[in-house]
Amino acid sequence: MSDDESEFSIDEVEEEEEEEEITDLSNSDVCTKYQEASKIVNLALTGLVSQCIAGAKIIDLCQFGTTILEAQTGKLYNKKSERCRSG
């Protein structure tokens, strides 16, 4: 392997590393998403606890929780994606 080939490989690796998105908590966008997700989950759990009464059906509780999660996440995460389009 010549010096030119080894330099080219190092440059390629560096470019790939720069293109990778930072997905740890050092990224403020990631922190914000986790905080918003926790608010949604806490809201769903609060609603579910109030629905837990004697005679309540588990399926009804599951559907209630799913409805809350979908409604709340739909408000925040409504970005259209080409991968998700149908038809």
PDB file of N, CA and C in Angstrom:
ATOM      1  N   MET A   1       0.847  -1.167   0.000  1.00  0.00           N
ATOM      2  CA  MET A   1       0.000   0.000   0.000  1.00  0.00           C
ATOM      3  C   MET A   1       0.890   1.226   0.000  1.00  0.00           C
ATOM      4  N   SER A   2       0.650   2.155  -0.884  1.00  0.00           N
ATOM      5  CA  SER A   2       1.474   3.359  -0.984  1.00  0.00           C
ATOM      6  C   SER A   2       0.978   4.406   0.004  1.00  0.00           C
ATOM      7  N   ASP A   3       1.788   5.451   0.161  1.00  0.00           N
ATOM      8  CA  ASP A   3       1.411   6.538   1.057  1.00  0.00           C
ATOM      9  C   ASP A   3       0.144   7.246   0.581  1.00  0.00           C
ATOM     10  N   ASP A   4      -0.036   7.376  -0.727  1.00  0.00           N
ATOM     11  CA  ASP A   4      -1.216   8.040  -1.274  1.00  0.00           C
ATOM     12  C   ASP A   4      -2.492   7.281  -0.910  1.00  0.00           C
ATOM     13  N   GLU A   5      -2.451   5.957  -0.993  1.00  0.00           N
ATOM     14  CA  GLU A   5      -3.623   5.155  -0.687  1.00  0.00           C
ATOM     15  C   GLU A   5      -3.983   5.245   0.791  1.00  0.00           C
ATOM     16  N   SER A   6      -2.994   5.226   1.662  1.00  0.00           N
ATOM     17  CA  SER A   6      -3.273   5.293   3.094  1.00  0.00           C
ATOM     18  C   SER A   6      -3.824   6.663   3.485  1.00  0.00           C
ATOM     19  N   GLU A   7      -3.336   7.720   2.876  1.00  0.00           N
ATOM     20  CA  GLU A   7      -3.862   9.053   3.162  1.00  0.00           C
ATOM     21  C   GLU A   7      -5.306   9.168   2.689  1.00  0.00           C
ATOM     22  N   PHE A   8      -5.603   8.598   1.559  1.00  0.00           N
ATOM     23  CA  PHE A   8      -6.958   8.649   1.016  1.00  0.00           C
ATOM     24  C   PHE A   8      -7.924   7.941   1.958  1.00  0.00           C
ATOM     25  N   SER A   9      -7.528   6.819   2.503  1.00  0.00           N
ATOM     26  CA  SER A   9      -8.375   6.068   3.409  1.00  0.00           C
ATOM     27  C   SER A   9      -8.632   6.843   4.693  1.00  0.00           C
ATOM     28  N   ILE A  10      -7.637   7.499   5.219  1.00  0.00           N
ATOM     29  CA  ILE A  10      -7.790   8.290   6.438  1.00  0.00           C
ATOM     30  C   ILE A  10      -8.743   9.448   6.189  1.00  0.00           C
ATOM     31  N   ASP A  11      -8.622  10.108   5.040  1.00  0.00           N
ATOM     32  CA  ASP A  11      -9.515  11.211   4.704  1.00  0.00           C
ATOM     33  C   ASP A  11     -10.964  10.739   4.602  1.00  0.00           C
ATOM     34  N   GLU A  12     -11.187   9.571   4.015  1.00  0.00           N
ATOM     35  CA  GLU A  12     -12.531   9.034   3.886  1.00  0.00           C
ATOM     36  C   GLU A  12     -13.141   8.762   5.259  1.00  0.00           C
ATOM     37  N   VAL A  13     -12.356   8.203   6.140  1.00  0.00           N
ATOM     38  CA  VAL A  13     -12.834   7.891   7.484  1.00  0.00           C
ATOM     39  C   VAL A  13     -13.190   9.181   8.221  1.00  0.00           C
ATOM     40  N   GLU A  14     -12.352  10.198   8.097  1.00  0.00           N
ATOM     41  CA  GLU A  14     -12.621  11.468   8.764  1.00  0.00           C
ATOM     42  C   GLU A  14     -13.900  12.101   8.239  1.00  0.00           C
ATOM     43  N   GLU A  15     -14.145  12.036   6.934  1.00  0.00           N
ATOM     44  CA  GLU A  15     -15.357  12.599   6.357  1.00  0.00           C
ATOM     45  C   GLU A  15     -16.593  11.859   6.859  1.00  0.00           C
ATOM     46  N   GLU A  16     -16.518  10.546   6.961  1.00  0.00           N
ATOM     47  CA  GLU A  16     -17.640   9.765   7.444  1.00  0.00           C
ATOM     48  C   GLU A  16     -17.952  10.094   8.897  1.00  0.00           C
ATOM     49  N   GLU A  17     -16.936  10.305   9.708  1.00  0.00           N
ATOM     50  CA  GLU A  17     -17.135  10.635  11.111  1.00  0.00           C
ATOM     51  C   GLU A  17     -17.789  12.001  11.253  1.00  0.00           C
ATOM     52  N   GLU A  18     -17.430  12.958  10.407  1.00  0.00           N
ATOM     53  CA  GLU A  18     -18.004  14.297  10.465  1.00  0.00           C
ATOM     54  C   GLU A  18     -19.476  14.275  10.080  1.00  0.00           C
ATOM     55  N   GLU A  19     -19.875  13.385   9.191  1.00  0.00           N
ATOM     56  CA  GLU A  19     -21.244  13.327   8.719  1.00  0.00           C
ATOM     57  C   GLU A  19     -22.186  12.681   9.726  1.00  0.00           C
ATOM     58  N   GLU A  20     -21.676  11.880  10.653  1.00  0.00           N
ATOM     59  CA  GLU A  20     -22.518  11.202  11.631  1.00  0.00           C
ATOM     60  C   GLU A  20     -23.144  12.219  12.575  1.00  0.00           C
ATOM     61  N   GLU A  21     -24.430  12.031  12.839  1.00  0.00           N
ATOM     62  CA  GLU A  21     -25.153  12.917  13.738  1.00  0.00           C
ATOM     63  C   GLU A  21     -24.835  12.550  15.184  1.00  0.00           C
ATOM     64  N   ILE A  22     -24.678  13.553  16.013  1.00  0.00           N
ATOM     65  CA  ILE A  22     -24.425  13.329  17.433  1.00  0.00           C
ATOM     66  C   ILE A  22     -25.751  12.994  18.088  1.00  0.00           C
ATOM     67  N   THR A  23     -25.835  11.798  18.673  1.00  0.00           N
ATOM     68  CA  THR A  23     -27.091  11.355  19.270  1.00  0.00           C
ATOM     69  C   THR A  23     -26.985  11.108  20.768  1.00  0.00           C
ATOM     70  N   ASP A  24     -25.983  11.687  21.411  1.00  0.00           N
ATOM     71  CA  ASP A  24     -25.902  11.537  22.860  1.00  0.00           C
ATOM     72  C   ASP A  24     -26.422  12.814  23.522  1.00  0.00           C
ATOM     73  N   LEU A  25     -26.393  12.870  24.827  1.00  0.00           N
ATOM     74  CA  LEU A  25     -26.978  13.986  25.555  1.00  0.00           C
ATOM     75  C   LEU A  25     -26.176  15.279  25.469  1.00  0.00           C
ATOM     76  N   SER A  26     -25.038  15.256  24.799  1.00  0.00           N
ATOM     77  CA  SER A  26     -24.293  16.491  24.596  1.00  0.00           C
ATOM     78  C   SER A  26     -24.950  17.357  23.527  1.00  0.00           C
ATOM     79  N   ASN A  27     -25.861  16.777  22.746  1.00  0.00           N
ATOM     80  CA  ASN A  27     -26.610  17.492  21.718  1.00  0.00           C
ATOM     81  C   ASN A  27     -27.884  18.039  22.365  1.00  0.00           C
ATOM     82  N   SER A  28     -28.086  19.360  22.330  1.00  0.00           N
ATOM     83  CA  SER A  28     -29.248  19.960  22.988  1.00  0.00           C
ATOM     84  C   SER A  28     -30.560  19.513  22.359  1.00  0.00           C
ATOM     85  N   ASP A  29     -30.574  19.217  21.068  1.00  0.00           N
ATOM     86  CA  ASP A  29     -31.792  18.725  20.426  1.00  0.00           C
ATOM     87  C   ASP A  29     -32.196  17.370  20.993  1.00  0.00           C
ATOM     88  N   VAL A  30     -31.224  16.524  21.259  1.00  0.00           N
ATOM     89  CA  VAL A  30     -31.503  15.210  21.835  1.00  0.00           C
ATOM     90  C   VAL A  30     -32.080  15.374  23.241  1.00  0.00           C
ATOM     91  N   CYS A  31     -31.503  16.267  24.033  1.00  0.00           N
ATOM     92  CA  CYS A  31     -32.013  16.517  25.388  1.00  0.00           C
ATOM     93  C   CYS A  31     -33.453  17.008  25.343  1.00  0.00           C
ATOM     94  N   THR A  32     -33.742  17.926  24.426  1.00  0.00           N
ATOM     95  CA  THR A  32     -35.094  18.463  24.296  1.00  0.00           C
ATOM     96  C   THR A  32     -36.085  17.368  23.925  1.00  0.00           C
ATOM     97  N   LYS A  33     -35.694  16.487  23.014  1.00  0.00           N
ATOM     98  CA  LYS A  33     -36.590  15.396  22.621  1.00  0.00           C
ATOM     99  C   LYS A  33     -36.879  14.467  23.794  1.00  0.00           C
ATOM    100  N   TYR A  34     -35.860  14.158  24.586  1.00  0.00           N
ATOM    101  CA  TYR A  34     -36.072  13.302  25.763  1.00  0.00           C
ATOM    102  C   TYR A  34     -36.977  13.989  26.776  1.00  0.00           C
ATOM    103  N   GLN A  35     -36.791  15.288  26.980  1.00  0.00           N
ATOM    104  CA  GLN A  35     -37.628  16.015  27.931  1.00  0.00           C
ATOM    105  C   GLN A  35     -39.077  16.044  27.477  1.00  0.00           C
ATOM    106  N   GLU A  36     -39.298  16.299  26.203  1.00  0.00           N
ATOM    107  CA  GLU A  36     -40.664  16.321  25.682  1.00  0.00           C
ATOM    108  C   GLU A  36     -41.302  14.938  25.753  1.00  0.00           C
ATOM    109  N   ALA A  37     -40.528  13.915  25.452  1.00  0.00           N
ATOM    110  CA  ALA A  37     -41.041  12.552  25.533  1.00  0.00           C
ATOM    111  C   ALA A  37     -41.434  12.212  26.973  1.00  0.00           C
ATOM    112  N   SER A  38     -40.642  12.659  27.930  1.00  0.00           N
ATOM    113  CA  SER A  38     -40.969  12.373  29.330  1.00  0.00           C
ATOM    114  C   SER A  38     -42.246  13.088  29.754  1.00  0.00           C
ATOM    115  N   LYS A  39     -42.473  14.287  29.253  1.00  0.00           N
ATOM    116  CA  LYS A  39     -43.717  15.002  29.565  1.00  0.00           C
ATOM    117  C   LYS A  39     -44.930  14.249  29.014  1.00  0.00           C
ATOM    118  N   ILE A  40     -44.783  13.738  27.795  1.00  0.00           N
ATOM    119  CA  ILE A  40     -45.878  12.989  27.169  1.00  0.00           C
ATOM    120  C   ILE A  40     -46.175  11.714  27.952  1.00  0.00           C
ATOM    121  N   VAL A  41     -45.132  10.996  28.331  1.00  0.00           N
ATOM    122  CA  VAL A  41     -45.311   9.753  29.088  1.00  0.00           C
ATOM    123  C   VAL A  41     -45.935  10.038  30.450  1.00  0.00           C
ATOM    124  N   ASN A  42     -45.496  11.094  31.113  1.00  0.00           N
ATOM    125  CA  ASN A  42     -46.079  11.441  32.416  1.00  0.00           C
ATOM    126  C   ASN A  42     -47.557  11.799  32.284  1.00  0.00           C
ATOM    127  N   LEU A  43     -47.917  12.492  31.216  1.00  0.00           N
ATOM    128  CA  LEU A  43     -49.309  12.826  30.970  1.00  0.00           C
ATOM    129  C   LEU A  43     -50.128  11.553  30.753  1.00  0.00           C
ATOM    130  N   ALA A  44     -49.600  10.649  29.958  1.00  0.00           N
ATOM    131  CA  ALA A  44     -50.300   9.382  29.691  1.00  0.00           C
ATOM    132  C   ALA A  44     -50.461   8.569  30.973  1.00  0.00           C
ATOM    133  N   LEU A  45     -49.415   8.495  31.768  1.00  0.00           N
ATOM    134  CA  LEU A  45     -49.491   7.728  33.015  1.00  0.00           C
ATOM    135  C   LEU A  45     -50.479   8.346  33.999  1.00  0.00           C
ATOM    136  N   THR A  46     -50.504   9.652  34.084  1.00  0.00           N
ATOM    137  CA  THR A  46     -51.460  10.326  34.966  1.00  0.00           C
ATOM    138  C   THR A  46     -52.887  10.003  34.540  1.00  0.00           C
ATOM    139  N   GLY A  47     -53.130  10.060  33.238  1.00  0.00           N
ATOM    140  CA  GLY A  47     -54.452   9.722  32.727  1.00  0.00           C
ATOM    141  C   GLY A  47     -54.804   8.269  32.974  1.00  0.00           C
ATOM    142  N   LEU A  48     -53.843   7.382  32.790  1.00  0.00           N
ATOM    143  CA  LEU A  48     -54.084   5.954  33.006  1.00  0.00           C
ATOM    144  C   LEU A  48     -54.384   5.640  34.458  1.00  0.00           C
ATOM    145  N   VAL A  49     -53.674   6.284  35.365  1.00  0.00           N
ATOM    146  CA  VAL A  49     -53.914   6.039  36.790  1.00  0.00           C
ATOM    147  C   VAL A  49     -55.345   6.428  37.144  1.00  0.00           C
ATOM    148  N   SER A  50     -55.817   7.529  36.581  1.00  0.00           N
ATOM    149  CA  SER A  50     -57.196   7.951  36.885  1.00  0.00           C
ATOM    150  C   SER A  50     -58.221   6.992  36.279  1.00  0.00           C
ATOM    151  N   GLN A  51     -57.849   6.249  35.248  1.00  0.00           N
ATOM    152  CA  GLN A  51     -58.752   5.294  34.609  1.00  0.00           C
ATOM    153  C   GLN A  51     -58.729   3.920  35.276  1.00  0.00           C
ATOM    154  N   CYS A  52     -57.788   3.691  36.160  1.00  0.00           N
ATOM    155  CA  CYS A  52     -57.662   2.388  36.833  1.00  0.00           C
ATOM    156  C   CYS A  52     -58.661   2.302  37.978  1.00  0.00           C
ATOM    157  N   ILE A  53     -59.815   1.768  37.661  1.00  0.00           N
ATOM    158  CA  ILE A  53     -60.866   1.584  38.655  1.00  0.00           C
ATOM    159  C   ILE A  53     -61.287   0.122  38.611  1.00  0.00           C
ATOM    160  N   ALA A  54     -61.993  -0.299  39.640  1.00  0.00           N
ATOM    161  CA  ALA A  54     -62.465  -1.680  39.689  1.00  0.00           C
ATOM    162  C   ALA A  54     -63.367  -1.953  38.489  1.00  0.00           C
ATOM    163  N   GLY A  55     -63.100  -3.046  37.805  1.00  0.00           N
ATOM    164  CA  GLY A  55     -63.899  -3.443  36.660  1.00  0.00           C
ATOM    165  C   GLY A  55     -63.417  -2.900  35.328  1.00  0.00           C
ATOM    166  N   ALA A  56     -62.374  -2.075  35.338  1.00  0.00           N
ATOM    167  CA  ALA A  56     -61.852  -1.535  34.081  1.00  0.00           C
ATOM    168  C   ALA A  56     -61.186  -2.655  33.290  1.00  0.00           C
ATOM    169  N   LYS A  57     -61.412  -2.650  31.988  1.00  0.00           N
ATOM    170  CA  LYS A  57     -60.813  -3.666  31.131  1.00  0.00           C
ATOM    171  C   LYS A  57     -59.407  -3.227  30.724  1.00  0.00           C
ATOM    172  N   ILE A  58     -58.495  -4.182  30.712  1.00  0.00           N
ATOM    173  CA  ILE A  58     -57.112  -3.899  30.340  1.00  0.00           C
ATOM    174  C   ILE A  58     -57.028  -3.348  28.926  1.00  0.00           C
ATOM    175  N   ILE A  59     -57.809  -3.899  28.016  1.00  0.00           N
ATOM    176  CA  ILE A  59     -57.764  -3.447  26.620  1.00  0.00           C
ATOM    177  C   ILE A  59     -58.196  -1.983  26.515  1.00  0.00           C
ATOM    178  N   ASP A  60     -59.171  -1.587  27.326  1.00  0.00           N
ATOM    179  CA  ASP A  60     -59.611  -0.188  27.320  1.00  0.00           C
ATOM    180  C   ASP A  60     -58.510   0.734  27.836  1.00  0.00           C
ATOM    181  N   LEU A  61     -57.810   0.280  28.869  1.00  0.00           N
ATOM    182  CA  LEU A  61     -56.698   1.072  29.397  1.00  0.00           C
ATOM    183  C   LEU A  61     -55.574   1.209  28.368  1.00  0.00           C
ATOM    184  N   CYS A  62     -55.271   0.114  27.690  1.00  0.00           N
ATOM    185  CA  CYS A  62     -54.230   0.145  26.654  1.00  0.00           C
ATOM    186  C   CYS A  62     -54.602   1.099  25.527  1.00  0.00           C
ATOM    187  N   GLN A  63     -55.853   1.027  25.090  1.00  0.00           N
ATOM    188  CA  GLN A  63     -56.308   1.910  24.018  1.00  0.00           C
ATOM    189  C   GLN A  63     -56.295   3.362  24.465  1.00  0.00           C
ATOM    190  N   PHE A  64     -56.684   3.612  25.699  1.00  0.00           N
ATOM    191  CA  PHE A  64     -56.649   4.966  26.249  1.00  0.00           C
ATOM    192  C   PHE A  64     -55.223   5.518  26.245  1.00  0.00           C
ATOM    193  N   GLY A  65     -54.280   4.714  26.736  1.00  0.00           N
ATOM    194  CA  GLY A  65     -52.876   5.138  26.764  1.00  0.00           C
ATOM    195  C   GLY A  65     -52.323   5.378  25.368  1.00  0.00           C
ATOM    196  N   THR A  66     -52.652   4.492  24.446  1.00  0.00           N
ATOM    197  CA  THR A  66     -52.185   4.645  23.066  1.00  0.00           C
ATOM    198  C   THR A  66     -52.747   5.911  22.446  1.00  0.00           C
ATOM    199  N   THR A  67     -54.016   6.198  22.705  1.00  0.00           N
ATOM    200  CA  THR A  67     -54.651   7.400  22.161  1.00  0.00           C
ATOM    201  C   THR A  67     -53.943   8.656  22.658  1.00  0.00           C
ATOM    202  N   ILE A  68     -53.642   8.692  23.937  1.00  0.00           N
ATOM    203  CA  ILE A  68     -52.941   9.851  24.504  1.00  0.00           C
ATOM    204  C   ILE A  68     -51.557   9.995  23.874  1.00  0.00           C
ATOM    205  N   LEU A  69     -50.806   8.904  23.821  1.00  0.00           N
ATOM    206  CA  LEU A  69     -49.455   8.959  23.258  1.00  0.00           C
ATOM    207  C   LEU A  69     -49.472   9.405  21.803  1.00  0.00           C
ATOM    208  N   GLU A  70     -50.377   8.847  21.007  1.00  0.00           N
ATOM    209  CA  GLU A  70     -50.437   9.211  19.595  1.00  0.00           C
ATOM    210  C   GLU A  70     -50.856  10.661  19.400  1.00  0.00           C
ATOM    211  N   ALA A  71     -51.812  11.123  20.186  1.00  0.00           N
ATOM    212  CA  ALA A  71     -52.276  12.504  20.061  1.00  0.00           C
ATOM    213  C   ALA A  71     -51.170  13.499  20.428  1.00  0.00           C
ATOM    214  N   GLN A  72     -50.480  13.216  21.527  1.00  0.00           N
ATOM    215  CA  GLN A  72     -49.452  14.138  21.990  1.00  0.00           C
ATOM    216  C   GLN A  72     -48.203  14.112  21.104  1.00  0.00           C
ATOM    217  N   THR A  73     -47.800  12.928  20.684  1.00  0.00           N
ATOM    218  CA  THR A  73     -46.617  12.864  19.822  1.00  0.00           C
ATOM    219  C   THR A  73     -46.932  13.410  18.440  1.00  0.00           C
ATOM    220  N   GLY A  74     -48.176  13.291  17.995  1.00  0.00           N
ATOM    221  CA  GLY A  74     -48.572  13.839  16.706  1.00  0.00           C
ATOM    222  C   GLY A  74     -48.446  15.356  16.668  1.00  0.00           C
ATOM    223  N   LYS A  75     -48.617  15.989  17.804  1.00  0.00           N
ATOM    224  CA  LYS A  75     -48.472  17.446  17.878  1.00  0.00           C
ATOM    225  C   LYS A  75     -47.025  17.880  17.700  1.00  0.00           C
ATOM    226  N   LEU A  76     -46.097  17.062  18.209  1.00  0.00           N
ATOM    227  CA  LEU A  76     -44.679  17.426  18.174  1.00  0.00           C
ATOM    228  C   LEU A  76     -43.934  16.849  16.980  1.00  0.00           C
ATOM    229  N   TYR A  77     -44.196  15.597  16.700  1.00  0.00           N
ATOM    230  CA  TYR A  77     -43.419  14.886  15.694  1.00  0.00           C
ATOM    231  C   TYR A  77     -44.285  14.619  14.469  1.00  0.00           C
ATOM    232  N   ASN A  78     -44.573  15.678  13.732  1.00  0.00           N
ATOM    233  CA  ASN A  78     -45.432  15.552  12.568  1.00  0.00           C
ATOM    234  C   ASN A  78     -44.681  15.786  11.262  1.00  0.00           C
ATOM    235  N   LYS A  79     -43.387  15.665  11.298  1.00  0.00           N
ATOM    236  CA  LYS A  79     -42.560  15.858  10.115  1.00  0.00           C
ATOM    237  C   LYS A  79     -42.849  14.747   9.110  1.00  0.00           C
ATOM    238  N   LYS A  80     -43.111  15.128   7.879  1.00  0.00           N
ATOM    239  CA  LYS A  80     -43.397  14.146   6.828  1.00  0.00           C
ATOM    240  C   LYS A  80     -42.091  13.532   6.352  1.00  0.00           C
ATOM    241  N   SER A  81     -42.146  12.241   6.119  1.00  0.00           N
ATOM    242  CA  SER A  81     -40.972  11.511   5.657  1.00  0.00           C
ATOM    243  C   SER A  81     -41.313  10.757   4.393  1.00  0.00           C
ATOM    244  N   GLU A  82     -40.401  10.735   3.438  1.00  0.00           N
ATOM    245  CA  GLU A  82     -40.622  10.008   2.211  1.00  0.00           C
ATOM    246  C   GLU A  82     -40.772   8.518   2.470  1.00  0.00           C
ATOM    247  N   ARG A  83     -40.087   8.001   3.474  1.00  0.00           N
ATOM    248  CA  ARG A  83     -40.143   6.572   3.774  1.00  0.00           C
ATOM    249  C   ARG A  83     -41.515   6.156   4.293  1.00  0.00           C
ATOM    250  N   CYS A  84     -42.237   7.071   4.917  1.00  0.00           N
ATOM    251  CA  CYS A  84     -43.502   6.717   5.537  1.00  0.00           C
ATOM    252  C   CYS A  84     -44.696   6.893   4.610  1.00  0.00           C
ATOM    253  N   ARG A  85     -44.500   7.470   3.467  1.00  0.00           N
ATOM    254  CA  ARG A  85     -45.616   7.685   2.550  1.00  0.00           C
ATOM    255  C   ARG A  85     -46.105   6.368   1.992  1.00  0.00           C
ATOM    256  N   SER A  86     -47.403   6.266   1.850  1.00  0.00           N
ATOM    257  CA  SER A  86     -47.963   5.066   1.246  1.00  0.00           C
ATOM    258  C   SER A  86     -48.616   5.443  -0.067  1.00  0.00           C
ATOM    259  N   GLY A  87     -48.749   4.467  -0.938  1.00  0.00           N
ATOM    260  CA  GLY A  87     -49.468   4.704  -2.185  1.00  0.00           C
ATOM    261  C   GLY A  87     -48.583   4.902  -3.298  1.00  0.00           C
TER     262      GLY A  87
END
